[in-house]
Amino acid sequence: MNRPLQIGVTGGIGSGKSLVCRIFSVLSVPVYNADHQARWLMNNDEPLKRRIKETFGDEAFQTDGQINRAYLAGRVFDNEVELKKLNALVHPAVGKDYAQWVSGKKDKSYVIKEAALMFESGSYKALDYIINVSAPVEVRIRRVLKRDPFRKREEVEAIIDKQLSEDERIRRSDFIIQNDDQEMILPRIVGLHHHFLSLKNPGASQKSNS
C-alpha cells in the first residue's frame, strides 16, 4: 500500500498527548497536530475565514484579520448549536489539510495525527489505529493549572465534563499509554514505535487494546 500507516493520538485535556507526540517526533515520526493546524487555518485559509465570518459575523475576527478566539469561545462554549456550526466549518478544512499533508509522507512507515476531538469529529474513521493517552482526572487538572496559571479549577473541570469520558476513549482506542506520573512512558512509546514499523500495511496486525 503506497501510503504510511496513520496513527491517531488523542486524550483529554492535561493527559499529556503532546508530550507523547514530541517523543514520537524525536523518533523521526512525522506528527500532524490537528488542533494547532485548526487555529492556523482559521487565521490563514481565506475560504474558511470567509465562511466563519458569514456564520458568526465580523466580530469573529480582530482588526488585524486574526481570529477573535475570545469572542468565538464565548459563542460556542455553552451553546451546542453554535459549536456544531463552527465544527462543521473547521473540521472539513482540517481534514483536507491533513490529507494533503499525508500525501507528502509516502516514504514514511507511519505518521501520527494528534487531536483532542478525534472521536467527536469523526476523524478517527480515516485512521488505522488510535492511541489514547490516559491519566487520572486530578493529575490532569493539576497539570493544566500548572501549565496555564490563568485558568481556574472550575474552568478546567468544565472542559473535562464536556469532553468524551476517559472510559469511552479507552473503549474506542486500540492502544493505551498510561501517563499518570507513576509509570515510565518512554518504553511504552518505543515499543509501539517498533510495532508500527513492523507492520507492512494496516492489515498486517490485528487491532487489539493493550
N, C-alpha and C. Protein backbone atom coordinates (compact mmCIF):
# COMPACT_ATOMS: atom_id res chain seq x y z
N MET A 1 0.86 -1.20 0.00
CA MET A 1 0.00 0.00 0.00
C MET A 1 0.88 1.23 0.00
N ASN A 2 0.67 2.12 -0.94
CA ASN A 2 1.57 3.26 -1.13
C ASN A 2 1.16 4.45 -0.28
N ARG A 3 1.07 4.22 0.99
CA ARG A 3 0.82 5.30 1.93
C ARG A 3 1.30 4.85 3.30
N PRO A 4 1.63 5.80 4.16
CA PRO A 4 2.07 5.41 5.50
C PRO A 4 0.89 4.95 6.35
N LEU A 5 1.19 4.13 7.34
CA LEU A 5 0.21 3.80 8.36
C LEU A 5 -0.15 5.09 9.08
N GLN A 6 -1.44 5.29 9.37
CA GLN A 6 -1.88 6.52 10.02
C GLN A 6 -2.36 6.21 11.44
N ILE A 7 -1.66 6.80 12.40
CA ILE A 7 -1.90 6.53 13.82
C ILE A 7 -2.45 7.79 14.48
N GLY A 8 -3.57 7.66 15.16
CA GLY A 8 -4.13 8.79 15.89
C GLY A 8 -3.69 8.77 17.34
N VAL A 9 -3.38 9.93 17.88
CA VAL A 9 -3.07 10.07 19.31
C VAL A 9 -4.06 11.08 19.89
N THR A 10 -4.81 10.64 20.88
CA THR A 10 -5.81 11.51 21.48
C THR A 10 -5.74 11.38 23.01
N GLY A 11 -6.55 12.14 23.68
CA GLY A 11 -6.58 12.12 25.14
C GLY A 11 -7.23 13.40 25.63
N GLY A 12 -7.73 13.36 26.84
CA GLY A 12 -8.38 14.53 27.41
C GLY A 12 -7.38 15.63 27.76
N ILE A 13 -7.90 16.81 28.05
CA ILE A 13 -7.05 17.93 28.43
C ILE A 13 -6.17 17.54 29.61
N GLY A 14 -4.87 17.84 29.50
CA GLY A 14 -3.94 17.54 30.57
C GLY A 14 -3.45 16.11 30.61
N SER A 15 -3.83 15.31 29.63
CA SER A 15 -3.41 13.90 29.65
C SER A 15 -1.94 13.74 29.27
N GLY A 16 -1.41 14.69 28.51
CA GLY A 16 -0.02 14.61 28.10
C GLY A 16 0.17 14.08 26.70
N LYS A 17 -0.87 14.19 25.86
CA LYS A 17 -0.75 13.67 24.49
C LYS A 17 0.31 14.44 23.69
N SER A 18 0.48 15.71 23.95
CA SER A 18 1.51 16.48 23.23
C SER A 18 2.91 16.02 23.60
N LEU A 19 3.12 15.65 24.87
CA LEU A 19 4.40 15.11 25.30
C LEU A 19 4.67 13.80 24.58
N VAL A 20 3.67 12.94 24.51
CA VAL A 20 3.82 11.66 23.81
C VAL A 20 4.17 11.90 22.35
N CYS A 21 3.50 12.84 21.73
CA CYS A 21 3.77 13.13 20.32
C CYS A 21 5.16 13.72 20.10
N ARG A 22 5.64 14.50 21.06
CA ARG A 22 7.01 15.02 20.93
C ARG A 22 8.02 13.89 20.95
N ILE A 23 7.75 12.86 21.75
CA ILE A 23 8.66 11.72 21.80
C ILE A 23 8.62 10.96 20.48
N PHE A 24 7.43 10.76 19.92
CA PHE A 24 7.34 10.14 18.60
C PHE A 24 8.11 10.97 17.58
N SER A 25 8.02 12.29 17.69
CA SER A 25 8.72 13.17 16.76
C SER A 25 10.23 13.00 16.88
N VAL A 26 10.72 12.85 18.11
CA VAL A 26 12.15 12.62 18.32
C VAL A 26 12.58 11.31 17.66
N LEU A 27 11.65 10.35 17.56
CA LEU A 27 11.93 9.08 16.90
C LEU A 27 11.79 9.20 15.38
N SER A 28 11.72 10.44 14.88
CA SER A 28 11.65 10.76 13.45
C SER A 28 10.31 10.38 12.81
N VAL A 29 9.26 10.36 13.62
CA VAL A 29 7.92 10.11 13.10
C VAL A 29 7.25 11.46 12.83
N PRO A 30 6.75 11.71 11.62
CA PRO A 30 6.06 12.96 11.35
C PRO A 30 4.78 13.07 12.18
N VAL A 31 4.55 14.23 12.78
CA VAL A 31 3.37 14.45 13.63
C VAL A 31 2.57 15.62 13.10
N TYR A 32 1.29 15.39 12.91
CA TYR A 32 0.36 16.45 12.48
C TYR A 32 -0.50 16.80 13.69
N ASN A 33 -0.38 18.03 14.16
CA ASN A 33 -1.16 18.49 15.31
C ASN A 33 -2.43 19.16 14.80
N ALA A 34 -3.54 18.44 14.87
CA ALA A 34 -4.79 18.92 14.29
C ALA A 34 -5.29 20.18 14.97
N ASP A 35 -5.10 20.28 16.28
CA ASP A 35 -5.60 21.45 17.00
C ASP A 35 -4.81 22.71 16.60
N HIS A 36 -3.49 22.57 16.50
CA HIS A 36 -2.67 23.72 16.07
C HIS A 36 -2.99 24.11 14.62
N GLN A 37 -3.16 23.10 13.77
CA GLN A 37 -3.46 23.39 12.37
C GLN A 37 -4.84 24.03 12.22
N ALA A 38 -5.77 23.62 13.06
CA ALA A 38 -7.10 24.24 13.01
C ALA A 38 -6.99 25.74 13.27
N ARG A 39 -6.20 26.11 14.27
CA ARG A 39 -6.02 27.54 14.56
C ARG A 39 -5.32 28.25 13.41
N TRP A 40 -4.32 27.58 12.82
CA TRP A 40 -3.61 28.19 11.70
C TRP A 40 -4.56 28.41 10.53
N LEU A 41 -5.38 27.42 10.23
CA LEU A 41 -6.31 27.53 9.11
C LEU A 41 -7.34 28.63 9.36
N MET A 42 -7.80 28.76 10.59
CA MET A 42 -8.78 29.80 10.90
C MET A 42 -8.20 31.20 10.72
N ASN A 43 -6.87 31.29 10.80
CA ASN A 43 -6.21 32.58 10.62
C ASN A 43 -5.72 32.83 9.19
N ASN A 44 -5.54 31.74 8.42
CA ASN A 44 -4.86 31.88 7.14
C ASN A 44 -5.61 31.34 5.93
N ASP A 45 -6.56 30.47 6.12
CA ASP A 45 -7.30 29.90 4.99
C ASP A 45 -8.45 30.83 4.64
N GLU A 46 -8.31 31.55 3.54
CA GLU A 46 -9.28 32.60 3.20
C GLU A 46 -10.72 32.07 3.00
N PRO A 47 -10.92 30.96 2.29
CA PRO A 47 -12.30 30.44 2.17
C PRO A 47 -12.90 30.09 3.53
N LEU A 48 -12.10 29.50 4.42
CA LEU A 48 -12.60 29.18 5.76
C LEU A 48 -12.90 30.44 6.54
N LYS A 49 -12.02 31.43 6.46
CA LYS A 49 -12.26 32.69 7.17
C LYS A 49 -13.55 33.35 6.69
N ARG A 50 -13.78 33.28 5.39
CA ARG A 50 -14.99 33.88 4.84
C ARG A 50 -16.25 33.18 5.37
N ARG A 51 -16.19 31.84 5.45
CA ARG A 51 -17.36 31.10 5.94
C ARG A 51 -17.60 31.35 7.42
N ILE A 52 -16.52 31.49 8.18
CA ILE A 52 -16.66 31.79 9.60
C ILE A 52 -17.29 33.17 9.79
N LYS A 53 -16.84 34.12 9.00
CA LYS A 53 -17.39 35.49 9.10
C LYS A 53 -18.86 35.51 8.70
N GLU A 54 -19.20 34.76 7.67
CA GLU A 54 -20.60 34.70 7.24
C GLU A 54 -21.49 34.08 8.31
N THR A 55 -20.95 33.13 9.07
CA THR A 55 -21.73 32.42 10.09
C THR A 55 -21.77 33.15 11.42
N PHE A 56 -20.65 33.74 11.82
CA PHE A 56 -20.55 34.31 13.16
C PHE A 56 -20.39 35.83 13.18
N GLY A 57 -20.34 36.45 12.01
CA GLY A 57 -20.26 37.90 11.95
C GLY A 57 -18.84 38.42 11.94
N ASP A 58 -18.72 39.72 11.65
CA ASP A 58 -17.41 40.35 11.56
C ASP A 58 -16.64 40.29 12.88
N GLU A 59 -17.37 40.17 14.00
CA GLU A 59 -16.71 40.13 15.31
C GLU A 59 -15.84 38.90 15.48
N ALA A 60 -16.03 37.90 14.62
CA ALA A 60 -15.24 36.67 14.73
C ALA A 60 -13.76 36.90 14.42
N PHE A 61 -13.45 38.07 13.84
CA PHE A 61 -12.06 38.39 13.53
C PHE A 61 -11.68 39.75 14.09
N GLN A 62 -10.43 39.87 14.51
CA GLN A 62 -9.93 41.13 15.01
C GLN A 62 -9.59 42.05 13.84
N THR A 63 -9.24 43.25 14.15
CA THR A 63 -8.97 44.24 13.10
C THR A 63 -7.76 43.87 12.25
N ASP A 64 -6.85 43.05 12.82
CA ASP A 64 -5.67 42.62 12.05
C ASP A 64 -5.94 41.39 11.20
N GLY A 65 -7.21 40.93 11.21
CA GLY A 65 -7.57 39.78 10.39
C GLY A 65 -7.40 38.44 11.06
N GLN A 66 -6.89 38.45 12.29
CA GLN A 66 -6.70 37.20 13.03
C GLN A 66 -7.99 36.84 13.76
N ILE A 67 -8.15 35.52 14.00
CA ILE A 67 -9.37 35.03 14.63
C ILE A 67 -9.53 35.62 16.02
N ASN A 68 -10.74 35.99 16.38
CA ASN A 68 -11.04 36.50 17.71
C ASN A 68 -11.44 35.31 18.58
N ARG A 69 -10.44 34.67 19.17
CA ARG A 69 -10.68 33.42 19.89
C ARG A 69 -11.58 33.62 21.10
N ALA A 70 -11.44 34.76 21.78
CA ALA A 70 -12.26 35.01 22.96
C ALA A 70 -13.73 35.15 22.57
N TYR A 71 -13.98 35.84 21.47
CA TYR A 71 -15.36 36.01 21.01
C TYR A 71 -15.97 34.68 20.61
N LEU A 72 -15.23 33.91 19.81
CA LEU A 72 -15.77 32.62 19.36
C LEU A 72 -15.97 31.66 20.52
N ALA A 73 -15.02 31.66 21.45
CA ALA A 73 -15.15 30.78 22.62
C ALA A 73 -16.41 31.12 23.40
N GLY A 74 -16.67 32.41 23.55
CA GLY A 74 -17.88 32.83 24.24
C GLY A 74 -19.16 32.43 23.53
N ARG A 75 -19.09 32.37 22.20
CA ARG A 75 -20.25 31.98 21.40
C ARG A 75 -20.56 30.49 21.49
N VAL A 76 -19.50 29.66 21.55
CA VAL A 76 -19.71 28.22 21.38
C VAL A 76 -19.58 27.39 22.64
N PHE A 77 -18.97 27.91 23.70
CA PHE A 77 -18.63 27.04 24.83
C PHE A 77 -19.86 26.41 25.48
N ASP A 78 -20.88 27.18 25.71
CA ASP A 78 -22.10 26.65 26.34
C ASP A 78 -23.26 26.61 25.37
N ASN A 79 -22.97 26.56 24.09
CA ASN A 79 -24.03 26.56 23.08
C ASN A 79 -23.73 25.46 22.06
N GLU A 80 -24.40 24.33 22.23
CA GLU A 80 -24.14 23.17 21.39
C GLU A 80 -24.43 23.45 19.91
N VAL A 81 -25.47 24.22 19.65
CA VAL A 81 -25.83 24.54 18.27
C VAL A 81 -24.74 25.35 17.60
N GLU A 82 -24.24 26.38 18.29
CA GLU A 82 -23.18 27.22 17.74
C GLU A 82 -21.88 26.43 17.57
N LEU A 83 -21.60 25.55 18.54
CA LEU A 83 -20.39 24.74 18.45
C LEU A 83 -20.44 23.83 17.23
N LYS A 84 -21.59 23.24 16.98
CA LYS A 84 -21.72 22.37 15.80
C LYS A 84 -21.53 23.16 14.50
N LYS A 85 -22.00 24.40 14.49
CA LYS A 85 -21.81 25.24 13.31
C LYS A 85 -20.32 25.48 13.06
N LEU A 86 -19.59 25.80 14.13
CA LEU A 86 -18.16 26.06 13.99
C LEU A 86 -17.41 24.80 13.57
N ASN A 87 -17.72 23.69 14.21
CA ASN A 87 -17.06 22.43 13.88
C ASN A 87 -17.33 22.02 12.44
N ALA A 88 -18.55 22.29 11.97
CA ALA A 88 -18.92 21.93 10.60
C ALA A 88 -18.10 22.70 9.57
N LEU A 89 -17.56 23.84 9.98
CA LEU A 89 -16.70 24.64 9.10
C LEU A 89 -15.23 24.22 9.22
N VAL A 90 -14.79 24.03 10.46
CA VAL A 90 -13.36 23.83 10.71
C VAL A 90 -12.92 22.39 10.45
N HIS A 91 -13.70 21.42 10.90
CA HIS A 91 -13.27 20.03 10.78
C HIS A 91 -13.02 19.59 9.32
N PRO A 92 -13.89 19.93 8.38
CA PRO A 92 -13.60 19.56 6.99
C PRO A 92 -12.33 20.22 6.45
N ALA A 93 -12.08 21.46 6.86
CA ALA A 93 -10.87 22.15 6.42
C ALA A 93 -9.62 21.46 6.96
N VAL A 94 -9.69 21.04 8.22
CA VAL A 94 -8.56 20.32 8.82
C VAL A 94 -8.39 18.97 8.13
N GLY A 95 -9.50 18.29 7.86
CA GLY A 95 -9.42 17.01 7.18
C GLY A 95 -8.75 17.10 5.82
N LYS A 96 -9.08 18.12 5.08
CA LYS A 96 -8.47 18.33 3.76
C LYS A 96 -6.99 18.65 3.90
N ASP A 97 -6.65 19.50 4.87
CA ASP A 97 -5.26 19.87 5.10
C ASP A 97 -4.44 18.65 5.53
N TYR A 98 -5.02 17.81 6.38
CA TYR A 98 -4.33 16.61 6.84
C TYR A 98 -4.09 15.64 5.68
N ALA A 99 -5.09 15.46 4.83
CA ALA A 99 -4.96 14.55 3.68
C ALA A 99 -3.82 15.01 2.76
N GLN A 100 -3.72 16.31 2.56
CA GLN A 100 -2.64 16.84 1.72
C GLN A 100 -1.28 16.61 2.40
N TRP A 101 -1.26 16.76 3.71
CA TRP A 101 -0.02 16.54 4.48
C TRP A 101 0.42 15.09 4.36
N VAL A 102 -0.52 14.16 4.53
CA VAL A 102 -0.19 12.73 4.45
C VAL A 102 0.31 12.36 3.06
N SER A 103 -0.25 12.98 2.04
CA SER A 103 0.14 12.65 0.67
C SER A 103 1.61 12.94 0.41
N GLY A 104 2.20 13.79 1.22
CA GLY A 104 3.61 14.10 1.07
C GLY A 104 4.52 13.26 1.94
N LYS A 105 3.95 12.23 2.59
CA LYS A 105 4.73 11.40 3.52
C LYS A 105 4.76 9.94 3.08
N LYS A 106 4.69 9.69 1.77
CA LYS A 106 4.61 8.32 1.26
C LYS A 106 5.86 7.51 1.54
N ASP A 107 6.96 8.21 1.83
CA ASP A 107 8.20 7.49 2.11
C ASP A 107 8.32 7.07 3.56
N LYS A 108 7.34 7.42 4.38
CA LYS A 108 7.37 7.10 5.81
C LYS A 108 6.59 5.83 6.11
N SER A 109 7.06 5.07 7.11
CA SER A 109 6.34 3.86 7.51
C SER A 109 5.02 4.19 8.17
N TYR A 110 5.05 5.24 9.02
CA TYR A 110 3.80 5.67 9.64
C TYR A 110 3.89 7.12 10.06
N VAL A 111 2.74 7.72 10.24
CA VAL A 111 2.64 9.11 10.70
C VAL A 111 1.68 9.17 11.88
N ILE A 112 1.77 10.26 12.60
CA ILE A 112 0.92 10.49 13.78
C ILE A 112 0.00 11.68 13.52
N LYS A 113 -1.27 11.52 13.87
CA LYS A 113 -2.19 12.65 13.90
C LYS A 113 -2.63 12.86 15.34
N GLU A 114 -2.28 14.01 15.89
CA GLU A 114 -2.65 14.36 17.26
C GLU A 114 -3.90 15.22 17.24
N ALA A 115 -4.92 14.81 18.00
CA ALA A 115 -6.17 15.58 18.04
C ALA A 115 -6.91 15.30 19.33
N ALA A 116 -7.42 16.35 19.95
CA ALA A 116 -8.19 16.19 21.18
C ALA A 116 -9.58 15.63 20.89
N LEU A 117 -10.19 16.06 19.79
CA LEU A 117 -11.57 15.68 19.47
C LEU A 117 -11.61 14.64 18.35
N MET A 118 -10.75 13.66 18.44
CA MET A 118 -10.63 12.67 17.36
C MET A 118 -11.90 11.86 17.17
N PHE A 119 -12.51 11.43 18.26
CA PHE A 119 -13.74 10.65 18.16
C PHE A 119 -14.94 11.56 17.89
N GLU A 120 -14.97 12.70 18.57
CA GLU A 120 -16.09 13.62 18.40
C GLU A 120 -16.20 14.14 16.97
N SER A 121 -15.07 14.38 16.33
CA SER A 121 -15.08 14.93 14.97
C SER A 121 -15.31 13.85 13.91
N GLY A 122 -15.11 12.59 14.29
CA GLY A 122 -15.23 11.50 13.33
C GLY A 122 -13.96 11.27 12.54
N SER A 123 -12.90 12.03 12.81
CA SER A 123 -11.67 11.91 12.03
C SER A 123 -10.97 10.57 12.26
N TYR A 124 -11.28 9.90 13.37
CA TYR A 124 -10.68 8.61 13.67
C TYR A 124 -10.99 7.57 12.59
N LYS A 125 -12.08 7.76 11.87
CA LYS A 125 -12.51 6.77 10.89
C LYS A 125 -11.51 6.62 9.74
N ALA A 126 -10.74 7.66 9.50
CA ALA A 126 -9.77 7.62 8.40
C ALA A 126 -8.41 7.09 8.85
N LEU A 127 -8.29 6.74 10.13
CA LEU A 127 -7.00 6.32 10.68
C LEU A 127 -6.97 4.81 10.88
N ASP A 128 -5.76 4.26 10.98
CA ASP A 128 -5.61 2.81 11.10
C ASP A 128 -5.65 2.34 12.55
N TYR A 129 -5.04 3.09 13.44
CA TYR A 129 -5.02 2.74 14.85
C TYR A 129 -5.12 4.02 15.69
N ILE A 130 -5.67 3.88 16.89
CA ILE A 130 -5.81 5.02 17.80
C ILE A 130 -5.11 4.71 19.11
N ILE A 131 -4.29 5.65 19.56
CA ILE A 131 -3.66 5.59 20.87
C ILE A 131 -4.34 6.60 21.78
N ASN A 132 -4.80 6.17 22.94
CA ASN A 132 -5.32 7.12 23.93
C ASN A 132 -4.28 7.32 25.02
N VAL A 133 -3.96 8.57 25.30
CA VAL A 133 -3.07 8.91 26.41
C VAL A 133 -3.95 9.16 27.62
N SER A 134 -3.74 8.37 28.65
CA SER A 134 -4.66 8.35 29.78
C SER A 134 -3.98 8.81 31.06
N ALA A 135 -4.73 9.53 31.90
CA ALA A 135 -4.22 9.97 33.20
C ALA A 135 -5.42 10.25 34.11
N PRO A 136 -5.27 10.06 35.42
CA PRO A 136 -6.37 10.37 36.35
C PRO A 136 -6.78 11.84 36.25
N VAL A 137 -8.04 12.09 36.53
CA VAL A 137 -8.58 13.45 36.40
C VAL A 137 -7.80 14.45 37.26
N GLU A 138 -7.50 14.09 38.50
CA GLU A 138 -6.80 15.02 39.37
C GLU A 138 -5.41 15.36 38.84
N VAL A 139 -4.75 14.38 38.27
CA VAL A 139 -3.43 14.62 37.67
C VAL A 139 -3.57 15.58 36.49
N ARG A 140 -4.58 15.37 35.68
CA ARG A 140 -4.80 16.22 34.52
C ARG A 140 -5.10 17.65 34.94
N ILE A 141 -5.94 17.82 35.93
CA ILE A 141 -6.28 19.16 36.41
C ILE A 141 -5.03 19.86 36.93
N ARG A 142 -4.23 19.15 37.71
CA ARG A 142 -3.00 19.73 38.27
C ARG A 142 -2.06 20.18 37.15
N ARG A 143 -1.93 19.37 36.12
CA ARG A 143 -1.04 19.73 35.00
C ARG A 143 -1.52 20.99 34.29
N VAL A 144 -2.82 21.06 34.04
CA VAL A 144 -3.35 22.21 33.30
C VAL A 144 -3.19 23.49 34.12
N LEU A 145 -3.46 23.42 35.42
CA LEU A 145 -3.33 24.60 36.27
C LEU A 145 -1.88 25.06 36.36
N LYS A 146 -0.94 24.11 36.33
CA LYS A 146 0.48 24.47 36.34
C LYS A 146 0.90 25.07 35.01
N ARG A 147 0.37 24.50 33.92
CA ARG A 147 0.71 24.98 32.57
C ARG A 147 0.06 26.31 32.26
N ASP A 148 -1.21 26.45 32.69
CA ASP A 148 -2.00 27.67 32.41
C ASP A 148 -2.46 28.29 33.72
N PRO A 149 -1.58 29.01 34.42
CA PRO A 149 -1.93 29.54 35.75
C PRO A 149 -3.09 30.54 35.73
N PHE A 150 -3.44 31.04 34.53
CA PHE A 150 -4.56 31.98 34.44
C PHE A 150 -5.90 31.27 34.53
N ARG A 151 -5.91 29.95 34.35
CA ARG A 151 -7.16 29.20 34.42
C ARG A 151 -7.56 28.93 35.86
N LYS A 152 -8.86 28.80 36.08
CA LYS A 152 -9.38 28.40 37.37
C LYS A 152 -9.74 26.92 37.33
N ARG A 153 -9.70 26.28 38.50
CA ARG A 153 -10.00 24.85 38.56
C ARG A 153 -11.39 24.56 38.00
N GLU A 154 -12.35 25.42 38.30
CA GLU A 154 -13.71 25.19 37.84
C GLU A 154 -13.78 25.20 36.31
N GLU A 155 -12.97 26.03 35.69
CA GLU A 155 -12.94 26.11 34.23
C GLU A 155 -12.40 24.81 33.63
N VAL A 156 -11.33 24.29 34.23
CA VAL A 156 -10.74 23.03 33.74
C VAL A 156 -11.73 21.89 33.93
N GLU A 157 -12.41 21.87 35.08
CA GLU A 157 -13.40 20.82 35.33
C GLU A 157 -14.53 20.88 34.31
N ALA A 158 -14.92 22.09 33.94
CA ALA A 158 -15.99 22.26 32.95
C ALA A 158 -15.56 21.73 31.59
N ILE A 159 -14.31 21.96 31.22
CA ILE A 159 -13.79 21.45 29.95
C ILE A 159 -13.78 19.93 29.96
N ILE A 160 -13.31 19.35 31.06
CA ILE A 160 -13.27 17.89 31.18
C ILE A 160 -14.67 17.30 31.09
N ASP A 161 -15.64 17.95 31.72
CA ASP A 161 -17.02 17.47 31.69
C ASP A 161 -17.58 17.45 30.27
N LYS A 162 -17.13 18.37 29.43
CA LYS A 162 -17.64 18.45 28.07
C LYS A 162 -16.94 17.49 27.11
N GLN A 163 -15.78 17.00 27.52
CA GLN A 163 -15.05 16.07 26.67
C GLN A 163 -15.58 14.66 26.84
N LEU A 164 -15.26 13.82 25.88
CA LEU A 164 -15.61 12.41 25.95
C LEU A 164 -15.01 11.81 27.22
N SER A 165 -15.75 10.91 27.86
CA SER A 165 -15.27 10.34 29.12
C SER A 165 -14.03 9.48 28.87
N GLU A 166 -13.21 9.36 29.90
CA GLU A 166 -12.00 8.55 29.80
C GLU A 166 -12.33 7.09 29.46
N ASP A 167 -13.35 6.56 30.09
CA ASP A 167 -13.75 5.18 29.83
C ASP A 167 -14.13 4.98 28.36
N GLU A 168 -14.83 5.96 27.80
CA GLU A 168 -15.26 5.85 26.41
C GLU A 168 -14.08 5.95 25.46
N ARG A 169 -13.14 6.84 25.74
CA ARG A 169 -11.95 6.95 24.90
C ARG A 169 -11.14 5.66 24.92
N ILE A 170 -11.00 5.09 26.12
CA ILE A 170 -10.25 3.84 26.25
C ILE A 170 -10.95 2.71 25.49
N ARG A 171 -12.26 2.66 25.61
CA ARG A 171 -13.02 1.60 24.94
C ARG A 171 -12.85 1.68 23.43
N ARG A 172 -12.75 2.88 22.90
CA ARG A 172 -12.72 3.05 21.45
C ARG A 172 -11.31 3.11 20.87
N SER A 173 -10.31 3.01 21.72
CA SER A 173 -8.91 3.09 21.26
C SER A 173 -8.31 1.70 21.12
N ASP A 174 -7.24 1.63 20.34
CA ASP A 174 -6.54 0.37 20.11
C ASP A 174 -5.39 0.16 21.07
N PHE A 175 -4.77 1.25 21.50
CA PHE A 175 -3.64 1.19 22.41
C PHE A 175 -3.79 2.28 23.46
N ILE A 176 -3.29 2.00 24.66
CA ILE A 176 -3.37 2.96 25.77
C ILE A 176 -1.96 3.24 26.27
N ILE A 177 -1.66 4.51 26.49
CA ILE A 177 -0.44 4.91 27.17
C ILE A 177 -0.83 5.55 28.50
N GLN A 178 -0.47 4.92 29.59
CA GLN A 178 -0.75 5.46 30.91
C GLN A 178 0.29 6.52 31.24
N ASN A 179 -0.16 7.76 31.36
CA ASN A 179 0.75 8.86 31.67
C ASN A 179 0.33 9.47 33.00
N ASP A 180 0.45 8.66 34.05
CA ASP A 180 -0.05 9.06 35.36
C ASP A 180 1.04 9.52 36.31
N ASP A 181 2.25 9.75 35.79
CA ASP A 181 3.41 10.16 36.58
C ASP A 181 3.92 9.05 37.50
N GLN A 182 3.40 7.84 37.32
CA GLN A 182 3.84 6.69 38.10
C GLN A 182 4.61 5.70 37.22
N GLU A 183 4.13 5.51 36.00
CA GLU A 183 4.77 4.58 35.07
C GLU A 183 5.63 5.36 34.08
N MET A 184 6.72 4.74 33.64
CA MET A 184 7.57 5.34 32.61
C MET A 184 6.89 5.16 31.25
N ILE A 185 6.73 6.27 30.52
CA ILE A 185 6.04 6.18 29.24
C ILE A 185 6.98 5.90 28.08
N LEU A 186 8.28 6.18 28.25
CA LEU A 186 9.21 6.01 27.13
C LEU A 186 9.27 4.57 26.62
N PRO A 187 9.39 3.56 27.49
CA PRO A 187 9.41 2.19 26.98
C PRO A 187 8.14 1.82 26.22
N ARG A 188 7.01 2.31 26.68
CA ARG A 188 5.74 2.03 26.00
C ARG A 188 5.73 2.66 24.61
N ILE A 189 6.18 3.90 24.51
CA ILE A 189 6.20 4.59 23.22
C ILE A 189 7.17 3.92 22.27
N VAL A 190 8.35 3.57 22.75
CA VAL A 190 9.34 2.91 21.90
C VAL A 190 8.81 1.55 21.43
N GLY A 191 8.13 0.83 22.32
CA GLY A 191 7.54 -0.45 21.94
C GLY A 191 6.50 -0.29 20.85
N LEU A 192 5.65 0.72 20.98
CA LEU A 192 4.65 0.98 19.94
C LEU A 192 5.32 1.40 18.64
N HIS A 193 6.37 2.19 18.76
CA HIS A 193 7.11 2.63 17.57
C HIS A 193 7.61 1.42 16.77
N HIS A 194 8.24 0.48 17.45
CA HIS A 194 8.75 -0.70 16.75
C HIS A 194 7.60 -1.56 16.21
N HIS A 195 6.49 -1.60 16.94
CA HIS A 195 5.34 -2.36 16.47
C HIS A 195 4.81 -1.78 15.16
N PHE A 196 4.65 -0.47 15.11
CA PHE A 196 4.12 0.16 13.89
C PHE A 196 5.10 0.03 12.72
N LEU A 197 6.40 0.12 13.02
CA LEU A 197 7.39 -0.06 11.96
C LEU A 197 7.33 -1.46 11.38
N SER A 198 6.94 -2.43 12.20
CA SER A 198 6.92 -3.82 11.75
C SER A 198 5.72 -4.15 10.87
N LEU A 199 4.75 -3.26 10.86
CA LEU A 199 3.55 -3.51 10.08
C LEU A 199 3.77 -3.09 8.62
N LYS A 200 3.66 -4.02 7.71
CA LYS A 200 3.86 -3.71 6.30
C LYS A 200 2.68 -2.95 5.71
N ASN A 201 1.49 -3.16 6.31
CA ASN A 201 0.29 -2.46 5.87
C ASN A 201 -0.70 -2.51 7.02
N PRO A 202 -1.82 -1.72 6.93
CA PRO A 202 -2.77 -1.67 8.04
C PRO A 202 -3.37 -3.01 8.43
N GLY A 203 -3.38 -4.01 7.52
CA GLY A 203 -3.96 -5.30 7.84
C GLY A 203 -2.96 -6.32 8.33
N ALA A 204 -1.72 -5.89 8.51
CA ALA A 204 -0.67 -6.85 8.85
C ALA A 204 -0.73 -7.32 10.29
N SER A 205 -1.42 -6.56 11.14
CA SER A 205 -1.52 -6.94 12.54
C SER A 205 -2.91 -6.63 13.04
N GLN A 206 -3.48 -7.59 13.72
CA GLN A 206 -4.85 -7.41 14.20
C GLN A 206 -4.90 -6.34 15.27
N LYS A 207 -5.87 -5.46 15.20
CA LYS A 207 -6.01 -4.45 16.23
C LYS A 207 -6.30 -5.11 17.58
N SER A 208 -5.74 -4.51 18.61
CA SER A 208 -6.08 -5.03 19.94
C SER A 208 -5.84 -3.94 20.95
N ASN A 209 -6.70 -3.85 21.96
CA ASN A 209 -6.47 -2.94 23.06
C ASN A 209 -5.33 -3.49 23.90
N SER A 210 -4.51 -2.62 24.39
CA SER A 210 -3.45 -3.07 25.26
C SER A 210 -3.02 -1.93 26.17
